[in-house]
Amino acid sequence: MVGIECGAQIIMYLERLGMVGSVVRWVYVLFLALIAFMVFLDYAKAVSKKKAGDVGEHGAEGITWYKTLHKIKIPPMIHFKTAGFTCSAWLPIMVSYATGVLAGFLGIGGGLLRMPALVYLIGCPTHIAVGTDLFEVMISGLYGAFTYSMKGRIELVAVFVMLTGAAIGAQIGTVATKYSKGYGIRIAFGIAVLACMISIILKQFKYTASAAVLILGTITLICIYIMNIMLRGAAQELREKKSAAAKAKA
């Protein structure tokens, strides 16, 4: 909450200086480029390790910065039962503060930053990171929304229209996550981030139509990919259940 408020205050300051538009866009581009680089570097390293036979307990992993950060033993220590690791409580606190500042500054709800932060800095498995991020964003997003609404910076009509589609899409995405491999989710995420970065650059240079086509095309392709994962996974699960039932009867 403190991080989001700090980010919002920076926005108000830049707005008074008349610099908010260009500064936010280029900072956004910088962080999107960094996130995309991390995702694809992580994938490339994981593939390389897998080919070399370097497969650990959790499979072939690319970027493992969290292992170094877990060595910091500043009390109090906290155990994450679902994710299966123990670390200093200061690690998630500092990561959440930093991502909160950026979320308040960039106005992205934090999910775009917290998901990779949970994976690469804190060490959550991808599926757990997605669920944890969604739950956390629900709470912190309410505070951020309240802060901006008090300053008259929310378009309520757009909110209610977008909620309709989001409610349906979120259910599909949640089911698809059950059947997707961790790196499948990360690569789809990386492609989405890369498309966002390029679209912002295009908008900065007044190629608004091209930016819109890029975003809509990328979203459509990723949605098709997600739907395919969900349908294939559900079909496979149904076949396995039928096979198990047939064996039980035999």
Protein backbone atom coordinates (compact mmCIF):
# COMPACT_ATOMS: atom_id res chain seq x y z
CA MET A 1 0.00 0.00 0.00
CA VAL A 2 2.81 2.41 0.90
CA GLY A 3 4.57 1.67 -2.39
CA ILE A 4 1.44 2.36 -4.45
CA GLU A 5 0.91 5.67 -2.63
CA CYS A 6 4.54 6.70 -3.30
CA GLY A 7 4.11 5.90 -6.99
CA ALA A 8 0.88 7.91 -7.14
CA GLN A 9 2.58 10.91 -5.50
CA ILE A 10 5.38 10.83 -8.08
CA ILE A 11 2.74 10.88 -10.84
CA MET A 12 1.05 13.93 -9.29
CA TYR A 13 4.41 15.72 -9.07
CA LEU A 14 5.27 15.01 -12.72
CA GLU A 15 1.77 16.10 -13.72
CA ARG A 16 2.38 19.50 -12.11
CA LEU A 17 5.61 19.78 -14.11
CA GLY A 18 3.79 18.82 -17.32
CA MET A 19 6.12 15.85 -17.92
CA VAL A 20 3.96 12.92 -16.86
CA GLY A 21 3.08 11.55 -20.32
CA SER A 22 6.52 11.10 -21.86
CA VAL A 23 8.27 10.11 -18.61
CA VAL A 24 5.75 7.38 -17.75
CA ARG A 25 5.83 5.98 -21.28
CA TRP A 26 9.62 5.66 -21.45
CA VAL A 27 9.90 4.26 -17.92
CA TYR A 28 7.19 1.78 -18.89
CA VAL A 29 9.14 0.80 -22.02
CA LEU A 30 12.32 0.33 -19.98
CA PHE A 31 10.73 -2.03 -17.48
CA LEU A 32 8.81 -3.96 -20.13
CA ALA A 33 12.07 -4.47 -22.03
CA LEU A 34 13.76 -5.68 -18.84
CA ILE A 35 10.92 -8.11 -18.03
CA ALA A 36 10.81 -9.50 -21.59
CA PHE A 37 14.59 -9.95 -21.55
CA MET A 38 14.39 -11.84 -18.24
CA VAL A 39 11.61 -14.14 -19.45
CA PHE A 40 13.30 -15.13 -22.71
CA LEU A 41 16.75 -15.39 -21.09
CA ASP A 42 15.23 -17.65 -18.44
CA TYR A 43 13.68 -19.87 -21.11
CA ALA A 44 16.91 -20.03 -23.15
CA LYS A 45 18.93 -21.01 -20.07
CA ALA A 46 16.39 -23.66 -19.05
CA VAL A 47 16.44 -25.22 -22.54
CA SER A 48 20.24 -25.17 -22.54
CA LYS A 49 20.40 -26.87 -19.12
CA LYS A 50 17.84 -29.47 -20.18
CA LYS A 51 19.89 -30.36 -23.26
CA ALA A 52 23.00 -30.64 -21.08
CA GLY A 53 21.15 -32.94 -18.66
CA ASP A 54 21.34 -30.40 -15.82
CA VAL A 55 17.88 -31.08 -14.38
CA GLY A 56 17.28 -30.40 -10.70
CA GLU A 57 14.49 -31.25 -8.30
CA HIS A 58 12.12 -28.78 -9.98
CA GLY A 59 13.22 -29.58 -13.54
CA ALA A 60 15.54 -27.48 -15.68
CA GLU A 61 15.58 -23.90 -14.40
CA GLY A 62 16.93 -20.83 -16.16
CA ILE A 63 17.27 -17.75 -13.97
CA THR A 64 17.69 -18.69 -10.31
CA TRP A 65 18.34 -15.34 -8.62
CA TYR A 66 15.98 -16.34 -5.83
CA LYS A 67 18.45 -18.99 -4.63
CA THR A 68 21.00 -16.24 -3.90
CA LEU A 69 18.37 -14.08 -2.19
CA HIS A 70 17.25 -17.02 -0.05
CA LYS A 71 20.75 -17.09 1.45
CA ILE A 72 20.03 -13.77 3.15
CA LYS A 73 19.00 -14.88 6.65
CA ILE A 74 17.82 -11.62 8.20
CA PRO A 75 15.15 -12.41 10.83
CA PRO A 76 12.27 -12.94 10.97
CA MET A 77 12.28 -15.98 8.70
CA ILE A 78 9.02 -17.08 7.11
CA HIS A 79 8.01 -20.42 5.58
CA PHE A 80 5.81 -20.53 2.49
CA LYS A 81 4.07 -23.88 2.78
CA THR A 82 2.38 -23.98 -0.64
CA ALA A 83 5.48 -22.82 -2.54
CA GLY A 84 7.74 -25.01 -0.40
CA PHE A 85 10.56 -22.69 0.70
CA THR A 86 11.73 -20.53 3.61
CA CYS A 87 13.24 -17.05 3.33
CA SER A 88 13.63 -13.80 5.24
CA ALA A 89 10.34 -11.93 5.58
CA TRP A 90 12.20 -8.83 4.37
CA LEU A 91 12.56 -10.32 0.88
CA PRO A 92 8.84 -10.32 -0.05
CA ILE A 93 8.35 -7.04 1.84
CA MET A 94 11.02 -5.19 -0.14
CA VAL A 95 10.00 -6.77 -3.46
CA SER A 96 6.34 -5.88 -2.88
CA TYR A 97 7.30 -2.30 -1.91
CA ALA A 98 9.39 -1.82 -5.07
CA THR A 99 6.70 -3.28 -7.33
CA GLY A 100 4.07 -1.20 -5.49
CA VAL A 101 5.95 2.02 -6.28
CA LEU A 102 6.17 1.03 -9.94
CA ALA A 103 2.51 -0.04 -10.01
CA GLY A 104 1.39 3.31 -8.62
CA PHE A 105 3.70 5.14 -11.02
CA LEU A 106 2.87 3.20 -14.18
CA GLY A 107 -0.78 2.47 -13.35
CA ILE A 108 -0.56 -1.23 -14.22
CA GLY A 109 -1.98 -2.79 -11.05
CA GLY A 110 1.37 -4.41 -10.27
CA GLY A 111 0.58 -7.79 -11.82
CA LEU A 112 2.87 -7.22 -14.77
CA LEU A 113 5.74 -6.70 -12.33
CA ARG A 114 4.83 -8.91 -9.39
CA MET A 115 4.39 -12.14 -11.33
CA PRO A 116 8.01 -12.19 -12.61
CA ALA A 117 9.18 -10.85 -9.23
CA LEU A 118 7.48 -13.76 -7.46
CA VAL A 119 9.10 -16.24 -9.86
CA TYR A 120 12.62 -14.84 -10.26
CA LEU A 121 13.23 -12.97 -6.99
CA ILE A 122 11.11 -14.78 -4.40
CA GLY A 123 11.16 -18.27 -5.92
CA CYS A 124 7.48 -19.21 -6.33
CA PRO A 125 6.63 -21.87 -8.95
CA THR A 126 4.88 -20.28 -11.94
CA HIS A 127 1.38 -21.63 -11.19
CA ILE A 128 1.57 -20.50 -7.56
CA ALA A 129 2.96 -17.11 -8.60
CA VAL A 130 -0.03 -16.52 -10.90
CA GLY A 131 -2.59 -17.33 -8.19
CA THR A 132 -0.70 -15.42 -5.48
CA ASP A 133 -0.35 -12.39 -7.71
CA LEU A 134 -4.05 -12.34 -8.61
CA PHE A 135 -5.09 -12.55 -4.96
CA GLU A 136 -2.63 -9.85 -3.88
CA VAL A 137 -3.59 -7.54 -6.75
CA MET A 138 -7.24 -7.85 -5.70
CA ILE A 139 -6.39 -6.30 -2.34
CA SER A 140 -3.72 -3.76 -3.28
CA GLY A 141 -5.67 -2.78 -6.39
CA LEU A 142 -8.61 -1.75 -4.24
CA TYR A 143 -6.39 0.67 -2.33
CA GLY A 144 -4.85 2.05 -5.52
CA ALA A 145 -8.30 2.45 -7.07
CA PHE A 146 -9.53 4.29 -3.97
CA THR A 147 -6.54 6.66 -4.09
CA TYR A 148 -7.10 7.53 -7.75
CA SER A 149 -10.89 7.77 -7.39
CA MET A 150 -10.51 10.35 -4.61
CA LYS A 151 -8.51 12.44 -7.08
CA GLY A 152 -11.14 12.00 -9.84
CA ARG A 153 -8.91 9.94 -12.13
CA ILE A 154 -11.14 6.92 -12.85
CA GLU A 155 -13.51 6.37 -15.80
CA LEU A 156 -16.30 4.33 -14.19
CA VAL A 157 -18.11 3.53 -17.44
CA ALA A 158 -14.97 1.85 -18.82
CA VAL A 159 -14.55 -0.04 -15.52
CA PHE A 160 -18.00 -1.66 -15.66
CA VAL A 161 -17.73 -2.50 -19.37
CA MET A 162 -14.30 -4.14 -18.92
CA LEU A 163 -15.39 -6.05 -15.82
CA THR A 164 -17.93 -7.99 -17.88
CA GLY A 165 -15.33 -9.48 -20.17
CA ALA A 166 -12.73 -9.86 -17.43
CA ALA A 167 -15.06 -11.95 -15.28
CA ILE A 168 -15.49 -14.50 -18.09
CA GLY A 169 -11.90 -14.41 -19.31
CA ALA A 170 -10.46 -14.87 -15.81
CA GLN A 171 -12.35 -18.15 -15.41
CA ILE A 172 -11.02 -19.49 -18.72
CA GLY A 173 -7.49 -18.40 -17.85
CA THR A 174 -7.66 -20.03 -14.42
CA VAL A 175 -8.76 -23.37 -15.88
CA ALA A 176 -6.09 -23.19 -18.62
CA THR A 177 -3.37 -22.60 -16.00
CA LYS A 178 -4.20 -26.02 -14.55
CA TYR A 179 -3.16 -27.73 -17.79
CA SER A 180 -0.28 -25.50 -18.90
CA LYS A 181 3.39 -26.14 -18.23
CA GLY A 182 5.23 -23.46 -16.26
CA TYR A 183 7.36 -22.28 -19.17
CA GLY A 184 4.35 -22.18 -21.47
CA ILE A 185 2.82 -19.56 -19.21
CA ARG A 186 6.09 -17.63 -18.99
CA ILE A 187 6.60 -17.51 -22.75
CA ALA A 188 3.03 -16.32 -23.36
CA PHE A 189 3.60 -13.68 -20.68
CA GLY A 190 6.89 -12.63 -22.31
CA ILE A 191 5.28 -12.26 -25.73
CA ALA A 192 2.49 -10.13 -24.24
CA VAL A 193 5.05 -7.91 -22.49
CA LEU A 194 7.09 -7.51 -25.68
CA ALA A 195 3.99 -6.55 -27.67
CA CYS A 196 3.03 -3.96 -25.03
CA MET A 197 6.52 -2.46 -25.15
CA ILE A 198 6.52 -2.15 -28.94
CA SER A 199 3.00 -0.67 -28.95
CA ILE A 200 4.01 2.03 -26.47
CA ILE A 201 7.00 2.97 -28.65
CA LEU A 202 4.72 3.14 -31.70
CA LYS A 203 2.29 5.39 -29.81
CA GLN A 204 5.15 7.66 -28.74
CA PHE A 205 5.99 8.22 -32.40
CA LYS A 206 2.30 8.71 -33.33
CA TYR A 207 1.76 5.31 -34.99
CA THR A 208 -1.42 4.77 -32.98
CA ALA A 209 -3.19 2.57 -35.55
CA SER A 210 -0.21 0.22 -35.86
CA ALA A 211 0.03 -0.01 -32.07
CA ALA A 212 -3.65 -0.95 -31.82
CA VAL A 213 -3.32 -3.63 -34.52
CA LEU A 214 -0.26 -5.09 -32.79
CA ILE A 215 -1.95 -5.29 -29.38
CA LEU A 216 -5.23 -6.69 -30.70
CA GLY A 217 -3.41 -9.25 -32.84
CA THR A 218 -1.18 -10.38 -29.97
CA ILE A 219 -4.11 -10.63 -27.56
CA THR A 220 -6.10 -12.66 -30.09
CA LEU A 221 -3.26 -15.12 -30.68
CA ILE A 222 -2.56 -15.55 -26.96
CA CYS A 223 -6.28 -16.08 -26.26
CA ILE A 224 -6.40 -18.77 -28.97
CA TYR A 225 -3.32 -20.38 -27.41
CA ILE A 226 -4.92 -20.33 -23.95
CA MET A 227 -8.22 -21.74 -25.25
CA ASN A 228 -6.30 -24.50 -27.03
CA ILE A 229 -4.47 -25.41 -23.81
CA MET A 230 -7.74 -25.50 -21.88
CA LEU A 231 -9.63 -27.61 -24.41
CA ARG A 232 -6.79 -30.08 -24.99
CA GLY A 233 -6.12 -30.41 -21.26
CA ALA A 234 -9.79 -30.94 -20.45
CA ALA A 235 -10.12 -33.53 -23.24
CA GLN A 236 -7.05 -35.39 -21.98
CA GLU A 237 -8.35 -35.38 -18.41
CA LEU A 238 -11.72 -36.70 -19.60
CA ARG A 239 -10.03 -39.52 -21.52
CA GLU A 240 -7.98 -40.47 -18.48
CA LYS A 241 -11.08 -40.55 -16.29
CA LYS A 242 -12.93 -42.73 -18.79
CA SER A 243 -9.93 -45.06 -19.04
CA ALA A 244 -9.69 -45.30 -15.25
CA ALA A 245 -13.44 -46.02 -14.99
CA ALA A 246 -13.19 -48.73 -17.67
CA LYS A 247 -10.30 -50.39 -15.84
CA ALA A 248 -12.20 -50.25 -12.56
CA LYS A 249 -15.19 -52.02 -14.13
CA ALA A 250 -12.95 -54.64 -15.68
